[in-house]
Amino acid sequence: LSLEVFVAYGCALGFILIWLGITIASVTGASKALPIAG
């Protein structure tokens, strides 16, 4: 159960963090972490 909870919400958090990072990059122009799209 403890691992199941970590996997479920860790997966959601990981996906959201990637998306947030990309979204912030799109607004600010940040490009070093994502050099192809940036």
All heavy atoms as atom14 arrays in JSON, in Angstrom:
{
  "sequence": "LSLEVFVAYGCALGFILIWLGITIASVTGASKALPIAG",
  "atom14_mask": [
    [1, 1, 1, 1, 1, 1, 1, 1, 0, 0, 0, 0, 0, 0],
    [1, 1, 1, 1, 1, 1, 0, 0, 0, 0, 0, 0, 0, 0],
    [1, 1, 1, 1, 1, 1, 1, 1, 0, 0, 0, 0, 0, 0],
    [1, 1, 1, 1, 1, 1, 1, 1, 1, 0, 0, 0, 0, 0],
    [1, 1, 1, 1, 1, 1, 1, 0, 0, 0, 0, 0, 0, 0],
    [1, 1, 1, 1, 1, 1, 1, 1, 1, 1, 1, 0, 0, 0],
    [1, 1, 1, 1, 1, 1, 1, 0, 0, 0, 0, 0, 0, 0],
    [1, 1, 1, 1, 1, 0, 0, 0, 0, 0, 0, 0, 0, 0],
    [1, 1, 1, 1, 1, 1, 1, 1, 1, 1, 1, 1, 0, 0],
    [1, 1, 1, 1, 0, 0, 0, 0, 0, 0, 0, 0, 0, 0],
    [1, 1, 1, 1, 1, 1, 0, 0, 0, 0, 0, 0, 0, 0],
    [1, 1, 1, 1, 1, 0, 0, 0, 0, 0, 0, 0, 0, 0],
    [1, 1, 1, 1, 1, 1, 1, 1, 0, 0, 0, 0, 0, 0],
    [1, 1, 1, 1, 0, 0, 0, 0, 0, 0, 0, 0, 0, 0],
    [1, 1, 1, 1, 1, 1, 1, 1, 1, 1, 1, 0, 0, 0],
    [1, 1, 1, 1, 1, 1, 1, 1, 0, 0, 0, 0, 0, 0],
    [1, 1, 1, 1, 1, 1, 1, 1, 0, 0, 0, 0, 0, 0],
    [1, 1, 1, 1, 1, 1, 1, 1, 0, 0, 0, 0, 0, 0],
    [1, 1, 1, 1, 1, 1, 1, 1, 1, 1, 1, 1, 1, 1],
    [1, 1, 1, 1, 1, 1, 1, 1, 0, 0, 0, 0, 0, 0],
    [1, 1, 1, 1, 0, 0, 0, 0, 0, 0, 0, 0, 0, 0],
    [1, 1, 1, 1, 1, 1, 1, 1, 0, 0, 0, 0, 0, 0],
    [1, 1, 1, 1, 1, 1, 1, 0, 0, 0, 0, 0, 0, 0],
    [1, 1, 1, 1, 1, 1, 1, 1, 0, 0, 0, 0, 0, 0],
    [1, 1, 1, 1, 1, 0, 0, 0, 0, 0, 0, 0, 0, 0],
    [1, 1, 1, 1, 1, 1, 0, 0, 0, 0, 0, 0, 0, 0],
    [1, 1, 1, 1, 1, 1, 1, 0, 0, 0, 0, 0, 0, 0],
    [1, 1, 1, 1, 1, 1, 1, 0, 0, 0, 0, 0, 0, 0],
    [1, 1, 1, 1, 0, 0, 0, 0, 0, 0, 0, 0, 0, 0],
    [1, 1, 1, 1, 1, 0, 0, 0, 0, 0, 0, 0, 0, 0],
    [1, 1, 1, 1, 1, 1, 0, 0, 0, 0, 0, 0, 0, 0],
    [1, 1, 1, 1, 1, 1, 1, 1, 1, 0, 0, 0, 0, 0],
    [1, 1, 1, 1, 1, 0, 0, 0, 0, 0, 0, 0, 0, 0],
    [1, 1, 1, 1, 1, 1, 1, 1, 0, 0, 0, 0, 0, 0],
    [1, 1, 1, 1, 1, 1, 1, 0, 0, 0, 0, 0, 0, 0],
    [1, 1, 1, 1, 1, 1, 1, 1, 0, 0, 0, 0, 0, 0],
    [1, 1, 1, 1, 1, 0, 0, 0, 0, 0, 0, 0, 0, 0],
    [1, 1, 1, 1, 0, 0, 0, 0, 0, 0, 0, 0, 0, 0]
  ],
  "atom14_positions": [
    [[0.81, -1.22, 0.0], [0.0, 0.0, 0.0], [0.84, 1.27, 0.0], [0.57, 2.19, -0.77], [-0.97, 0.01, 1.19], [-1.89, 1.24, 1.25], [-2.74, 1.34, -0.01], [-2.76, 1.18, 2.48], [0.0, 0.0, 0.0], [0.0, 0.0, 0.0], [0.0, 0.0, 0.0], [0.0, 0.0, 0.0], [0.0, 0.0, 0.0], [0.0, 0.0, 0.0]],
    [[1.88, 1.34, 0.82], [2.69, 2.56, 0.88], [3.38, 2.81, -0.46], [3.46, 3.95, -0.93], [3.71, 2.49, 2.01], [4.57, 1.37, 1.82], [0.0, 0.0, 0.0], [0.0, 0.0, 0.0], [0.0, 0.0, 0.0], [0.0, 0.0, 0.0], [0.0, 0.0, 0.0], [0.0, 0.0, 0.0], [0.0, 0.0, 0.0], [0.0, 0.0, 0.0]],
    [[3.85, 1.77, -1.09], [4.49, 1.9, -2.39], [3.46, 2.24, -3.47], [3.72, 3.04, -4.37], [5.24, 0.61, -2.75], [6.22, 0.67, -3.91], [7.25, 1.77, -3.71], [6.9, -0.67, -4.08], [0.0, 0.0, 0.0], [0.0, 0.0, 0.0], [0.0, 0.0, 0.0], [0.0, 0.0, 0.0], [0.0, 0.0, 0.0], [0.0, 0.0, 0.0]],
    [[2.28, 1.68, -3.35], [1.19, 1.96, -4.3], [0.83, 3.45, -4.27], [0.67, 4.08, -5.32], [-0.03, 1.11, -3.92], [-1.13, 1.12, -4.92], [-2.26, 0.17, -4.55], [-1.99, -0.96, -4.1], [-3.41, 0.59, -4.72], [0.0, 0.0, 0.0], [0.0, 0.0, 0.0], [0.0, 0.0, 0.0], [0.0, 0.0, 0.0], [0.0, 0.0, 0.0]],
    [[0.74, 4.0, -3.07], [0.41, 5.43, -2.92], [1.53, 6.28, -3.53], [1.28, 7.24, -4.26], [0.17, 5.78, -1.43], [0.1, 7.28, -1.22], [-1.09, 5.09, -0.93], [0.0, 0.0, 0.0], [0.0, 0.0, 0.0], [0.0, 0.0, 0.0], [0.0, 0.0, 0.0], [0.0, 0.0, 0.0], [0.0, 0.0, 0.0], [0.0, 0.0, 0.0]],
    [[2.79, 5.91, -3.24], [3.92, 6.64, -3.81], [3.9, 6.58, -5.33], [4.11, 7.6, -6.01], [5.25, 6.08, -3.27], [6.46, 6.6, -4.0], [6.87, 7.91, -3.85], [7.17, 5.77, -4.87], [7.98, 8.39, -4.54], [8.27, 6.24, -5.56], [8.68, 7.55, -5.39], [0.0, 0.0, 0.0], [0.0, 0.0, 0.0], [0.0, 0.0, 0.0]],
    [[3.66, 5.41, -5.88], [3.66, 5.25, -7.34], [2.53, 6.08, -7.97], [2.77, 6.81, -8.94], [3.53, 3.76, -7.73], [3.24, 3.6, -9.21], [4.8, 3.01, -7.35], [0.0, 0.0, 0.0], [0.0, 0.0, 0.0], [0.0, 0.0, 0.0], [0.0, 0.0, 0.0], [0.0, 0.0, 0.0], [0.0, 0.0, 0.0], [0.0, 0.0, 0.0]],
    [[1.34, 6.01, -7.43], [0.2, 6.72, -8.01], [0.42, 8.23, -8.01], [0.33, 8.89, -9.05], [-1.08, 6.37, -7.26], [0.0, 0.0, 0.0], [0.0, 0.0, 0.0], [0.0, 0.0, 0.0], [0.0, 0.0, 0.0], [0.0, 0.0, 0.0], [0.0, 0.0, 0.0], [0.0, 0.0, 0.0], [0.0, 0.0, 0.0], [0.0, 0.0, 0.0]],
    [[0.7, 8.78, -6.84], [0.79, 10.23, -6.73], [2.15, 10.75, -7.18], [2.25, 11.88, -7.66], [0.41, 10.67, -5.32], [-0.97, 10.19, -4.99], [-1.18, 9.23, -4.01], [-2.07, 10.64, -5.72], [-2.46, 8.75, -3.74], [-3.35, 10.16, -5.46], [-3.52, 9.22, -4.47], [-4.79, 8.74, -4.21], [0.0, 0.0, 0.0], [0.0, 0.0, 0.0]],
    [[3.19, 9.92, -7.08], [4.49, 10.3, -7.61], [4.46, 10.41, -9.12], [5.07, 11.3, -9.71], [0.0, 0.0, 0.0], [0.0, 0.0, 0.0], [0.0, 0.0, 0.0], [0.0, 0.0, 0.0], [0.0, 0.0, 0.0], [0.0, 0.0, 0.0], [0.0, 0.0, 0.0], [0.0, 0.0, 0.0], [0.0, 0.0, 0.0], [0.0, 0.0, 0.0]],
    [[3.74, 9.51, -9.74], [3.6, 9.55, -11.2], [2.86, 10.82, -11.61], [3.3, 11.54, -12.52], [2.85, 8.31, -11.66], [3.05, 7.96, -13.39], [0.0, 0.0, 0.0], [0.0, 0.0, 0.0], [0.0, 0.0, 0.0], [0.0, 0.0, 0.0], [0.0, 0.0, 0.0], [0.0, 0.0, 0.0], [0.0, 0.0, 0.0], [0.0, 0.0, 0.0]],
    [[1.76, 11.11, -10.95], [1.0, 12.32, -11.26], [1.86, 13.57, -11.04], [1.9, 14.46, -11.89], [-0.28, 12.38, -10.42], [0.0, 0.0, 0.0], [0.0, 0.0, 0.0], [0.0, 0.0, 0.0], [0.0, 0.0, 0.0], [0.0, 0.0, 0.0], [0.0, 0.0, 0.0], [0.0, 0.0, 0.0], [0.0, 0.0, 0.0], [0.0, 0.0, 0.0]],
    [[2.56, 13.62, -9.91], [3.4, 14.77, -9.61], [4.53, 14.91, -10.63], [4.83, 16.01, -11.1], [3.96, 14.66, -8.19], [4.91, 15.78, -7.76], [4.2, 17.13, -7.78], [5.48, 15.49, -6.38], [0.0, 0.0, 0.0], [0.0, 0.0, 0.0], [0.0, 0.0, 0.0], [0.0, 0.0, 0.0], [0.0, 0.0, 0.0], [0.0, 0.0, 0.0]],
    [[5.16, 13.8, -10.98], [6.23, 13.85, -11.97], [5.76, 14.4, -13.3], [6.4, 15.28, -13.89], [0.0, 0.0, 0.0], [0.0, 0.0, 0.0], [0.0, 0.0, 0.0], [0.0, 0.0, 0.0], [0.0, 0.0, 0.0], [0.0, 0.0, 0.0], [0.0, 0.0, 0.0], [0.0, 0.0, 0.0], [0.0, 0.0, 0.0], [0.0, 0.0, 0.0]],
    [[4.62, 13.91, -13.78], [4.07, 14.4, -15.04], [3.75, 15.89, -14.96], [4.02, 16.65, -15.89], [2.8, 13.63, -15.42], [3.02, 12.21, -15.86], [1.94, 11.33, -15.9], [4.26, 11.73, -16.24], [2.1, 10.02, -16.31], [4.43, 10.42, -16.65], [3.35, 9.56, -16.69], [0.0, 0.0, 0.0], [0.0, 0.0, 0.0], [0.0, 0.0, 0.0]],
    [[3.15, 16.3, -13.84], [2.77, 17.71, -13.69], [4.0, 18.61, -13.6], [4.01, 19.71, -14.16], [1.82, 17.87, -12.48], [0.48, 17.22, -12.81], [1.65, 19.34, -12.11], [-0.46, 17.05, -11.62], [0.0, 0.0, 0.0], [0.0, 0.0, 0.0], [0.0, 0.0, 0.0], [0.0, 0.0, 0.0], [0.0, 0.0, 0.0], [0.0, 0.0, 0.0]],
    [[5.05, 18.15, -12.92], [6.28, 18.95, -12.84], [6.9, 19.14, -14.22], [7.36, 20.25, -14.55], [7.28, 18.29, -11.91], [7.07, 18.49, -10.42], [8.04, 17.63, -9.61], [7.22, 19.96, -10.05], [0.0, 0.0, 0.0], [0.0, 0.0, 0.0], [0.0, 0.0, 0.0], [0.0, 0.0, 0.0], [0.0, 0.0, 0.0], [0.0, 0.0, 0.0]],
    [[6.93, 18.09, -15.02], [7.46, 18.22, -16.39], [6.65, 19.26, -17.15], [7.2, 20.17, -17.79], [7.45, 16.87, -17.13], [8.41, 15.87, -16.47], [7.8, 17.06, -18.61], [8.22, 14.43, -16.94], [0.0, 0.0, 0.0], [0.0, 0.0, 0.0], [0.0, 0.0, 0.0], [0.0, 0.0, 0.0], [0.0, 0.0, 0.0], [0.0, 0.0, 0.0]],
    [[5.34, 19.13, -17.1], [4.46, 20.06, -17.82], [4.64, 21.49, -17.32], [4.74, 22.43, -18.12], [3.0, 19.61, -17.68], [2.02, 20.63, -18.11], [1.76, 21.03, -19.39], [1.17, 21.42, -17.28], [0.79, 22.0, -19.39], [0.41, 22.26, -18.11], [0.97, 21.48, -15.9], [-0.51, 23.16, -17.6], [0.04, 22.37, -15.4], [-0.69, 23.2, -16.25]],
    [[4.7, 21.67, -16.0], [4.88, 23.02, -15.46], [6.2, 23.62, -15.9], [6.26, 24.81, -16.26], [4.82, 22.98, -13.92], [3.48, 23.21, -13.27], [3.6, 23.07, -11.76], [2.88, 24.54, -13.65], [0.0, 0.0, 0.0], [0.0, 0.0, 0.0], [0.0, 0.0, 0.0], [0.0, 0.0, 0.0], [0.0, 0.0, 0.0], [0.0, 0.0, 0.0]],
    [[7.26, 22.82, -15.88], [8.55, 23.32, -16.33], [8.5, 23.76, -17.78], [9.0, 24.84, -18.13], [0.0, 0.0, 0.0], [0.0, 0.0, 0.0], [0.0, 0.0, 0.0], [0.0, 0.0, 0.0], [0.0, 0.0, 0.0], [0.0, 0.0, 0.0], [0.0, 0.0, 0.0], [0.0, 0.0, 0.0], [0.0, 0.0, 0.0], [0.0, 0.0, 0.0]],
    [[7.91, 22.96, -18.63], [7.79, 23.31, -20.05], [6.92, 24.55, -20.23], [7.24, 25.44, -21.04], [7.24, 22.12, -20.86], [8.23, 20.95, -20.85], [6.91, 22.53, -22.29], [7.68, 19.66, -21.41], [0.0, 0.0, 0.0], [0.0, 0.0, 0.0], [0.0, 0.0, 0.0], [0.0, 0.0, 0.0], [0.0, 0.0, 0.0], [0.0, 0.0, 0.0]],
    [[5.84, 24.63, -19.46], [4.95, 25.79, -19.56], [5.64, 27.07, -19.12], [5.52, 28.11, -19.78], [3.67, 25.53, -18.74], [3.02, 24.37, -19.26], [2.73, 26.72, -18.79], [0.0, 0.0, 0.0], [0.0, 0.0, 0.0], [0.0, 0.0, 0.0], [0.0, 0.0, 0.0], [0.0, 0.0, 0.0], [0.0, 0.0, 0.0], [0.0, 0.0, 0.0]],
    [[6.39, 27.0, -18.02], [7.14, 28.18, -17.57], [8.17, 28.57, -18.63], [8.36, 29.75, -18.92], [7.78, 27.92, -16.19], [6.7, 27.85, -15.12], [8.82, 28.99, -15.85], [7.17, 27.35, -13.77], [0.0, 0.0, 0.0], [0.0, 0.0, 0.0], [0.0, 0.0, 0.0], [0.0, 0.0, 0.0], [0.0, 0.0, 0.0], [0.0, 0.0, 0.0]],
    [[8.82, 27.57, -19.23], [9.78, 27.86, -20.29], [9.11, 28.56, -21.48], [9.69, 29.46, -22.09], [10.46, 26.57, -20.75], [0.0, 0.0, 0.0], [0.0, 0.0, 0.0], [0.0, 0.0, 0.0], [0.0, 0.0, 0.0], [0.0, 0.0, 0.0], [0.0, 0.0, 0.0], [0.0, 0.0, 0.0], [0.0, 0.0, 0.0], [0.0, 0.0, 0.0]],
    [[7.88, 28.17, -21.79], [7.19, 28.79, -22.92], [6.86, 30.25, -22.67], [6.86, 31.06, -23.59], [5.92, 28.01, -23.27], [4.89, 28.26, -22.34], [0.0, 0.0, 0.0], [0.0, 0.0, 0.0], [0.0, 0.0, 0.0], [0.0, 0.0, 0.0], [0.0, 0.0, 0.0], [0.0, 0.0, 0.0], [0.0, 0.0, 0.0], [0.0, 0.0, 0.0]],
    [[6.62, 30.59, -21.41], [6.26, 31.96, -21.06], [7.5, 32.84, -20.88], [7.52, 33.99, -21.31], [5.4, 31.97, -19.77], [5.16, 33.38, -19.26], [4.08, 31.26, -20.02], [0.0, 0.0, 0.0], [0.0, 0.0, 0.0], [0.0, 0.0, 0.0], [0.0, 0.0, 0.0], [0.0, 0.0, 0.0], [0.0, 0.0, 0.0], [0.0, 0.0, 0.0]],
    [[8.54, 32.27, -20.27], [9.73, 33.06, -19.95], [10.79, 33.03, -21.04], [11.66, 33.9, -21.08], [10.39, 32.55, -18.66], [10.87, 31.21, -18.85], [9.43, 32.61, -17.48], [0.0, 0.0, 0.0], [0.0, 0.0, 0.0], [0.0, 0.0, 0.0], [0.0, 0.0, 0.0], [0.0, 0.0, 0.0], [0.0, 0.0, 0.0], [0.0, 0.0, 0.0]],
    [[10.78, 32.03, -21.89], [11.8, 31.87, -22.92], [12.97, 31.02, -22.47], [13.97, 30.91, -23.18], [0.0, 0.0, 0.0], [0.0, 0.0, 0.0], [0.0, 0.0, 0.0], [0.0, 0.0, 0.0], [0.0, 0.0, 0.0], [0.0, 0.0, 0.0], [0.0, 0.0, 0.0], [0.0, 0.0, 0.0], [0.0, 0.0, 0.0], [0.0, 0.0, 0.0]],
    [[12.86, 30.41, -21.3], [13.94, 29.54, -20.81], [14.19, 28.44, -21.84], [13.26, 27.88, -22.4], [13.57, 28.94, -19.46], [0.0, 0.0, 0.0], [0.0, 0.0, 0.0], [0.0, 0.0, 0.0], [0.0, 0.0, 0.0], [0.0, 0.0, 0.0], [0.0, 0.0, 0.0], [0.0, 0.0, 0.0], [0.0, 0.0, 0.0], [0.0, 0.0, 0.0]],
    [[15.48, 28.11, -22.04], [15.79, 27.16, -23.11], [16.9, 26.17, -22.77], [17.08, 25.19, -23.49], [16.19, 27.92, -24.37], [17.36, 28.68, -24.13], [0.0, 0.0, 0.0], [0.0, 0.0, 0.0], [0.0, 0.0, 0.0], [0.0, 0.0, 0.0], [0.0, 0.0, 0.0], [0.0, 0.0, 0.0], [0.0, 0.0, 0.0], [0.0, 0.0, 0.0]],
    [[17.65, 26.4, -21.71], [18.82, 25.55, -21.45], [18.44, 24.1, -21.14], [19.13, 23.18, -21.56], [19.65, 26.14, -20.31], [20.35, 27.42, -20.71], [21.16, 28.0, -19.58], [21.8, 29.31, -20.02], [22.42, 30.0, -18.91], [0.0, 0.0, 0.0], [0.0, 0.0, 0.0], [0.0, 0.0, 0.0], [0.0, 0.0, 0.0], [0.0, 0.0, 0.0]],
    [[17.35, 23.88, -20.42], [16.94, 22.52, -20.07], [16.27, 21.81, -21.24], [16.21, 20.58, -21.27], [16.0, 22.53, -18.86], [0.0, 0.0, 0.0], [0.0, 0.0, 0.0], [0.0, 0.0, 0.0], [0.0, 0.0, 0.0], [0.0, 0.0, 0.0], [0.0, 0.0, 0.0], [0.0, 0.0, 0.0], [0.0, 0.0, 0.0], [0.0, 0.0, 0.0]],
    [[15.75, 22.56, -22.18], [15.01, 22.01, -23.32], [15.5, 22.7, -24.6], [14.78, 23.49, -25.21], [13.5, 22.24, -23.11], [12.95, 21.67, -21.8], [11.71, 22.42, -21.34], [12.66, 20.2, -21.97], [0.0, 0.0, 0.0], [0.0, 0.0, 0.0], [0.0, 0.0, 0.0], [0.0, 0.0, 0.0], [0.0, 0.0, 0.0], [0.0, 0.0, 0.0]],
    [[16.73, 22.39, -25.01], [17.35, 23.18, -26.08], [16.71, 23.05, -27.46], [16.82, 23.98, -28.27], [18.8, 22.67, -26.1], [18.75, 21.33, -25.46], [17.62, 21.37, -24.48], [0.0, 0.0, 0.0], [0.0, 0.0, 0.0], [0.0, 0.0, 0.0], [0.0, 0.0, 0.0], [0.0, 0.0, 0.0], [0.0, 0.0, 0.0], [0.0, 0.0, 0.0]],
    [[16.06, 21.96, -27.77], [15.47, 21.81, -29.1], [14.26, 22.74, -29.25], [14.2, 23.56, -30.16], [15.1, 20.35, -29.4], [16.38, 19.5, -29.46], [14.31, 20.24, -30.71], [16.15, 18.02, -29.58], [0.0, 0.0, 0.0], [0.0, 0.0, 0.0], [0.0, 0.0, 0.0], [0.0, 0.0, 0.0], [0.0, 0.0, 0.0], [0.0, 0.0, 0.0]],
    [[13.3, 22.64, -28.33], [12.12, 23.5, -28.4], [12.45, 24.94, -28.01], [11.73, 25.87, -28.37], [11.01, 22.96, -27.5], [0.0, 0.0, 0.0], [0.0, 0.0, 0.0], [0.0, 0.0, 0.0], [0.0, 0.0, 0.0], [0.0, 0.0, 0.0], [0.0, 0.0, 0.0], [0.0, 0.0, 0.0], [0.0, 0.0, 0.0], [0.0, 0.0, 0.0]],
    [[13.55, 25.13, -27.28], [13.92, 26.47, -26.82], [14.92, 27.19, -27.69], [15.34, 28.3, -27.36], [0.0, 0.0, 0.0], [0.0, 0.0, 0.0], [0.0, 0.0, 0.0], [0.0, 0.0, 0.0], [0.0, 0.0, 0.0], [0.0, 0.0, 0.0], [0.0, 0.0, 0.0], [0.0, 0.0, 0.0], [0.0, 0.0, 0.0], [0.0, 0.0, 0.0]]
  ]
}
